[in-house]
């Protein structure tokens, strides 16, 4: 069984909302490269970034998107 990509659920929500990595990065105040590194698990999201993403993507449950619970 293949391991799920980091933040696969978050990427799915971005697709549902039609929001590109570039657009989301701009909305939360980081570069597209930085967001890409965070989505691939190379870097960690800061709490302020998670808060902004929560609002932009209209997430119901931050836990399941960022902590896999």
C-alpha atoms as a PDB file:
ATOM      1  CA  UNK A   1       0.000   0.000   0.000  1.00  0.00           C
ATOM      2  CA  UNK A   2       1.370   3.436  -0.971  1.00  0.00           C
ATOM      3  CA  UNK A   3       1.725   6.025   1.720  1.00  0.00           C
ATOM      4  CA  UNK A   4      -0.555   9.013   1.239  1.00  0.00           C
ATOM      5  CA  UNK A   5       1.152  12.227   0.151  1.00  0.00           C
ATOM      6  CA  UNK A   6       1.531  14.820   2.896  1.00  0.00           C
ATOM      7  CA  UNK A   7      -1.428  17.167   2.952  1.00  0.00           C
ATOM      8  CA  UNK A   8      -3.349  15.222   0.287  1.00  0.00           C
ATOM      9  CA  UNK A   9      -6.647  16.268   1.881  1.00  0.00           C
ATOM     10  CA  UNK A  10      -5.565  19.915   1.848  1.00  0.00           C
ATOM     11  CA  UNK A  11      -4.576  19.667  -1.820  1.00  0.00           C
ATOM     12  CA  UNK A  12      -7.982  18.119  -2.546  1.00  0.00           C
ATOM     13  CA  UNK A  13      -9.743  21.030  -0.845  1.00  0.00           C
ATOM     14  CA  UNK A  14      -7.674  23.472  -2.894  1.00  0.00           C
ATOM     15  CA  UNK A  15      -8.840  21.693  -6.055  1.00  0.00           C
ATOM     16  CA  UNK A  16     -12.474  21.739  -4.872  1.00  0.00           C
ATOM     17  CA  UNK A  17     -12.270  25.483  -4.318  1.00  0.00           C
ATOM     18  CA  UNK A  18     -10.332  26.097  -7.552  1.00  0.00           C
ATOM     19  CA  UNK A  19      -7.453  27.711  -5.679  1.00  0.00           C
ATOM     20  CA  UNK A  20      -3.952  27.230  -7.103  1.00  0.00           C
ATOM     21  CA  UNK A  21      -0.804  26.992  -5.005  1.00  0.00           C
ATOM     22  CA  UNK A  22       0.213  30.397  -6.312  1.00  0.00           C
ATOM     23  CA  UNK A  23      -3.086  31.983  -5.277  1.00  0.00           C
ATOM     24  CA  UNK A  24      -3.085  30.333  -1.844  1.00  0.00           C
ATOM     25  CA  UNK A  25       0.543  31.325  -1.230  1.00  0.00           C
ATOM     26  CA  UNK A  26      -0.296  34.940  -2.045  1.00  0.00           C
ATOM     27  CA  UNK A  27      -3.351  34.841   0.224  1.00  0.00           C
ATOM     28  CA  UNK A  28      -1.333  33.644   3.209  1.00  0.00           C
ATOM     29  CA  UNK A  29       1.685  35.866   2.544  1.00  0.00           C
ATOM     30  CA  UNK A  30       4.357  33.340   1.536  1.00  0.00           C
ATOM     31  CA  UNK A  31       6.050  32.436  -1.742  1.00  0.00           C
ATOM     32  CA  UNK A  32       4.771  29.681  -4.011  1.00  0.00           C
ATOM     33  CA  UNK A  33       8.043  27.818  -3.396  1.00  0.00           C
ATOM     34  CA  UNK A  34       7.594  28.013   0.381  1.00  0.00           C
ATOM     35  CA  UNK A  35       4.031  26.704   0.090  1.00  0.00           C
ATOM     36  CA  UNK A  36       5.179  23.880  -2.161  1.00  0.00           C
ATOM     37  CA  UNK A  37       7.813  22.866   0.404  1.00  0.00           C
ATOM     38  CA  UNK A  38       5.224  22.894   3.166  1.00  0.00           C
ATOM     39  CA  UNK A  39       2.726  20.846   1.134  1.00  0.00           C
ATOM     40  CA  UNK A  40       5.417  18.261   0.380  1.00  0.00           C
ATOM     41  CA  UNK A  41       6.300  17.958   4.067  1.00  0.00           C
ATOM     42  CA  UNK A  42       9.759  19.525   3.741  1.00  0.00           C
ATOM     43  CA  UNK A  43       8.807  22.435   6.001  1.00  0.00           C
ATOM     44  CA  UNK A  44       6.161  22.889   8.682  1.00  0.00           C
ATOM     45  CA  UNK A  45       3.199  25.225   8.524  1.00  0.00           C
ATOM     46  CA  UNK A  46       3.180  28.003  11.108  1.00  0.00           C
ATOM     47  CA  UNK A  47       0.039  28.479  13.153  1.00  0.00           C
ATOM     48  CA  UNK A  48      -0.719  31.829  11.479  1.00  0.00           C
ATOM     49  CA  UNK A  49      -0.443  30.193   8.030  1.00  0.00           C
ATOM     50  CA  UNK A  50      -2.794  27.402   9.115  1.00  0.00           C
ATOM     51  CA  UNK A  51      -5.247  29.988  10.388  1.00  0.00           C
ATOM     52  CA  UNK A  52      -5.193  31.860   7.063  1.00  0.00           C
ATOM     53  CA  UNK A  53      -5.572  28.648   5.047  1.00  0.00           C
ATOM     54  CA  UNK A  54      -8.487  27.637   7.280  1.00  0.00           C
ATOM     55  CA  UNK A  55     -10.266  30.881   6.366  1.00  0.00           C
ATOM     56  CA  UNK A  56      -9.341  30.969   2.659  1.00  0.00           C
ATOM     57  CA  UNK A  57     -10.347  27.352   1.994  1.00  0.00           C
ATOM     58  CA  UNK A  58     -13.327  27.486   4.374  1.00  0.00           C
ATOM     59  CA  UNK A  59     -12.208  24.349   6.203  1.00  0.00           C
ATOM     60  CA  UNK A  60     -14.578  22.710   8.655  1.00  0.00           C
ATOM     61  CA  UNK A  61     -11.969  20.910  10.734  1.00  0.00           C
ATOM     62  CA  UNK A  62      -8.377  22.094  10.846  1.00  0.00           C
ATOM     63  CA  UNK A  63      -7.239  18.906  12.637  1.00  0.00           C
ATOM     64  CA  UNK A  64      -7.967  16.569   9.741  1.00  0.00           C
ATOM     65  CA  UNK A  65      -6.285  18.830   7.165  1.00  0.00           C
ATOM     66  CA  UNK A  66      -3.068  19.567   9.032  1.00  0.00           C
ATOM     67  CA  UNK A  67      -2.656  16.763  11.544  1.00  0.00           C
ATOM     68  CA  UNK A  68      -4.237  13.809   9.745  1.00  0.00           C
ATOM     69  CA  UNK A  69      -6.699  13.070  12.550  1.00  0.00           C
END
